[in-house]
Amino acid sequence: MAKAAIALFFLLLSLISVCNSSIVNGQKTWCVAKPSSDQAALLNNINYACSQVDCRILQKGCPCSSPDSLINHASIAMNLYYQSRGRNHWNCYFGNSGLIVISDPSYGNCIYE
């Protein structure tokens, strides 16, 4: 589990940020948590996003429940919100803790929309 969390962290570090567009050269985009975000921001992002969209995919036993880390769960919740709101750059702001990426952050059986 720690190995997956480390892999996810380095994947997030290597992703490219897109500041003002939800489509880059025709590519799909996703919203993830910035690796530099503090735990309070990540928890706030999870609580806000999951109050707006269905986050059952994060429940224990579901494909995206592991690794069980704030950055992983925040990224998934933030992306669910971002995708449901039309992939506008402002829907990934989250108090400057969101990052729009062009590399698919899906892993294992956890598929990002």
C-alpha atoms as a PDB file:
ATOM      1  CA  MET A   1       0.000   0.000   0.000  1.00  0.00           C
ATOM      2  CA  ALA A   2       2.847   2.427   0.808  1.00  0.00           C
ATOM      3  CA  LYS A   3       4.451   1.563  -2.519  1.00  0.00           C
ATOM      4  CA  ALA A   4       1.251   2.562  -4.372  1.00  0.00           C
ATOM      5  CA  ALA A   5       1.039   5.835  -2.430  1.00  0.00           C
ATOM      6  CA  ILE A   6       4.646   6.653  -3.300  1.00  0.00           C
ATOM      7  CA  ALA A   7       4.036   5.821  -6.954  1.00  0.00           C
ATOM      8  CA  LEU A   8       0.949   8.050  -6.980  1.00  0.00           C
ATOM      9  CA  PHE A   9       2.883  10.878  -5.336  1.00  0.00           C
ATOM     10  CA  PHE A  10       5.645  10.743  -7.958  1.00  0.00           C
ATOM     11  CA  LEU A  11       3.070  10.506 -10.735  1.00  0.00           C
ATOM     12  CA  LEU A  12       1.426  13.650  -9.419  1.00  0.00           C
ATOM     13  CA  LEU A  13       4.777  15.423  -9.242  1.00  0.00           C
ATOM     14  CA  SER A  14       5.502  14.590 -12.861  1.00  0.00           C
ATOM     15  CA  LEU A  15       2.178  15.761 -14.245  1.00  0.00           C
ATOM     16  CA  ILE A  16       1.889  18.984 -16.204  1.00  0.00           C
ATOM     17  CA  SER A  17      -0.267  21.830 -14.935  1.00  0.00           C
ATOM     18  CA  VAL A  18      -2.617  23.572 -17.331  1.00  0.00           C
ATOM     19  CA  CYS A  19      -3.679  26.984 -16.111  1.00  0.00           C
ATOM     20  CA  ASN A  20      -6.478  28.159 -18.336  1.00  0.00           C
ATOM     21  CA  SER A  21      -8.044  25.366 -20.352  1.00  0.00           C
ATOM     22  CA  SER A  22      -9.814  22.086 -19.762  1.00  0.00           C
ATOM     23  CA  ILE A  23      -8.786  20.753 -23.180  1.00  0.00           C
ATOM     24  CA  VAL A  24      -5.174  20.879 -24.306  1.00  0.00           C
ATOM     25  CA  ASN A  25      -4.517  20.054 -27.937  1.00  0.00           C
ATOM     26  CA  GLY A  26      -7.691  17.945 -27.915  1.00  0.00           C
ATOM     27  CA  GLN A  27      -6.564  15.930 -24.868  1.00  0.00           C
ATOM     28  CA  LYS A  28      -8.767  15.175 -21.891  1.00  0.00           C
ATOM     29  CA  THR A  29      -7.871  16.775 -18.578  1.00  0.00           C
ATOM     30  CA  TRP A  30      -8.216  15.743 -14.940  1.00  0.00           C
ATOM     31  CA  CYS A  31      -8.090  17.594 -11.644  1.00  0.00           C
ATOM     32  CA  VAL A  32      -5.826  16.344  -8.855  1.00  0.00           C
ATOM     33  CA  ALA A  33      -4.589  17.718  -5.547  1.00  0.00           C
ATOM     34  CA  LYS A  34      -1.278  19.552  -5.586  1.00  0.00           C
ATOM     35  CA  PRO A  35       1.334  17.464  -3.766  1.00  0.00           C
ATOM     36  CA  SER A  36       2.240  20.583  -1.747  1.00  0.00           C
ATOM     37  CA  SER A  37      -1.297  20.898  -0.307  1.00  0.00           C
ATOM     38  CA  ASP A  38      -1.571  20.671   3.454  1.00  0.00           C
ATOM     39  CA  GLN A  39      -3.760  18.072   5.140  1.00  0.00           C
ATOM     40  CA  ALA A  40      -6.415  20.594   6.209  1.00  0.00           C
ATOM     41  CA  ALA A  41      -6.862  21.762   2.604  1.00  0.00           C
ATOM     42  CA  LEU A  42      -7.089  18.172   1.353  1.00  0.00           C
ATOM     43  CA  LEU A  43      -9.707  17.296   3.959  1.00  0.00           C
ATOM     44  CA  ASN A  44     -11.696  20.444   3.129  1.00  0.00           C
ATOM     45  CA  ASN A  45     -11.541  19.536  -0.568  1.00  0.00           C
ATOM     46  CA  ILE A  46     -12.834  16.018   0.106  1.00  0.00           C
ATOM     47  CA  ASN A  47     -15.662  17.323   2.290  1.00  0.00           C
ATOM     48  CA  TYR A  48     -16.687  19.993  -0.210  1.00  0.00           C
ATOM     49  CA  ALA A  49     -16.438  17.862  -3.351  1.00  0.00           C
ATOM     50  CA  CYS A  50     -18.219  14.917  -1.750  1.00  0.00           C
ATOM     51  CA  SER A  51     -21.036  17.198  -0.586  1.00  0.00           C
ATOM     52  CA  GLN A  52     -21.602  18.031  -4.258  1.00  0.00           C
ATOM     53  CA  VAL A  53     -20.957  14.714  -6.048  1.00  0.00           C
ATOM     54  CA  ASP A  54     -21.222  10.989  -5.328  1.00  0.00           C
ATOM     55  CA  CYS A  55     -17.942   9.851  -3.743  1.00  0.00           C
ATOM     56  CA  ARG A  56     -18.916   6.238  -3.025  1.00  0.00           C
ATOM     57  CA  ILE A  57     -15.972   5.131  -5.159  1.00  0.00           C
ATOM     58  CA  LEU A  58     -13.781   6.090  -2.163  1.00  0.00           C
ATOM     59  CA  GLN A  59     -15.545   3.751   0.290  1.00  0.00           C
ATOM     60  CA  LYS A  60     -13.621   0.826   1.705  1.00  0.00           C
ATOM     61  CA  GLY A  61     -13.623  -2.084  -0.739  1.00  0.00           C
ATOM     62  CA  CYS A  62     -14.249   0.130  -3.782  1.00  0.00           C
ATOM     63  CA  PRO A  63     -11.646   0.479  -6.540  1.00  0.00           C
ATOM     64  CA  CYS A  64     -10.342   3.897  -5.439  1.00  0.00           C
ATOM     65  CA  SER A  65     -10.296   3.353  -1.678  1.00  0.00           C
ATOM     66  CA  SER A  66      -6.650   2.318  -1.731  1.00  0.00           C
ATOM     67  CA  PRO A  67      -4.230   3.804  -1.056  1.00  0.00           C
ATOM     68  CA  ASP A  68      -6.068   5.246   1.904  1.00  0.00           C
ATOM     69  CA  SER A  69      -4.369   8.638   1.944  1.00  0.00           C
ATOM     70  CA  LEU A  70      -5.682  12.186   1.997  1.00  0.00           C
ATOM     71  CA  ILE A  71      -3.929  13.177  -1.223  1.00  0.00           C
ATOM     72  CA  ASN A  72      -5.296  10.152  -3.069  1.00  0.00           C
ATOM     73  CA  HIS A  73      -8.855  10.586  -1.828  1.00  0.00           C
ATOM     74  CA  ALA A  74      -8.758  14.359  -2.346  1.00  0.00           C
ATOM     75  CA  SER A  75      -7.542  13.926  -5.923  1.00  0.00           C
ATOM     76  CA  ILE A  76     -10.342  11.505  -6.731  1.00  0.00           C
ATOM     77  CA  ALA A  77     -13.027  13.647  -5.074  1.00  0.00           C
ATOM     78  CA  MET A  78     -11.727  16.820  -6.704  1.00  0.00           C
ATOM     79  CA  ASN A  79     -11.681  15.155 -10.109  1.00  0.00           C
ATOM     80  CA  LEU A  80     -15.236  13.868  -9.681  1.00  0.00           C
ATOM     81  CA  TYR A  81     -16.327  17.435  -8.937  1.00  0.00           C
ATOM     82  CA  TYR A  82     -14.265  18.902 -11.803  1.00  0.00           C
ATOM     83  CA  GLN A  83     -15.620  16.408 -14.340  1.00  0.00           C
ATOM     84  CA  SER A  84     -19.225  16.880 -13.176  1.00  0.00           C
ATOM     85  CA  ARG A  85     -18.985  20.655 -13.539  1.00  0.00           C
ATOM     86  CA  GLY A  86     -17.756  20.649 -17.136  1.00  0.00           C
ATOM     87  CA  ARG A  87     -13.963  20.602 -16.705  1.00  0.00           C
ATOM     88  CA  ASN A  88     -13.648  24.372 -16.326  1.00  0.00           C
ATOM     89  CA  HIS A  89     -10.323  25.495 -14.882  1.00  0.00           C
ATOM     90  CA  TRP A  90     -12.137  27.304 -12.049  1.00  0.00           C
ATOM     91  CA  ASN A  91     -13.738  24.007 -10.992  1.00  0.00           C
ATOM     92  CA  CYS A  92     -10.279  22.725 -10.073  1.00  0.00           C
ATOM     93  CA  TYR A  93      -9.111  25.736  -8.116  1.00  0.00           C
ATOM     94  CA  PHE A  94      -9.993  24.498  -4.600  1.00  0.00           C
ATOM     95  CA  GLY A  95      -8.280  27.416  -2.885  1.00  0.00           C
ATOM     96  CA  ASN A  96      -5.229  27.017  -5.127  1.00  0.00           C
ATOM     97  CA  SER A  97      -4.755  23.379  -4.097  1.00  0.00           C
ATOM     98  CA  GLY A  98      -6.001  21.864  -7.360  1.00  0.00           C
ATOM     99  CA  LEU A  99      -3.901  21.014 -10.384  1.00  0.00           C
ATOM    100  CA  ILE A 100      -5.226  20.344 -13.890  1.00  0.00           C
ATOM    101  CA  VAL A 101      -3.237  17.590 -15.584  1.00  0.00           C
ATOM    102  CA  ILE A 102      -3.159  16.053 -19.033  1.00  0.00           C
ATOM    103  CA  SER A 103      -1.784  12.658 -17.953  1.00  0.00           C
ATOM    104  CA  ASP A 104      -4.448  10.177 -16.884  1.00  0.00           C
ATOM    105  CA  PRO A 105      -4.000   9.638 -13.122  1.00  0.00           C
ATOM    106  CA  SER A 106      -5.942   6.334 -13.161  1.00  0.00           C
ATOM    107  CA  TYR A 107      -4.206   3.374 -11.515  1.00  0.00           C
ATOM    108  CA  GLY A 108      -5.066  -0.302 -11.162  1.00  0.00           C
ATOM    109  CA  ASN A 109      -8.856  -0.640 -11.097  1.00  0.00           C
ATOM    110  CA  CYS A 110      -9.303   3.005 -10.058  1.00  0.00           C
ATOM    111  CA  ILE A 111     -10.332   4.757 -13.243  1.00  0.00           C
ATOM    112  CA  TYR A 112     -10.564   8.540 -13.173  1.00  0.00           C
ATOM    113  CA  GLU A 113     -13.534   9.776 -15.227  1.00  0.00           C
END
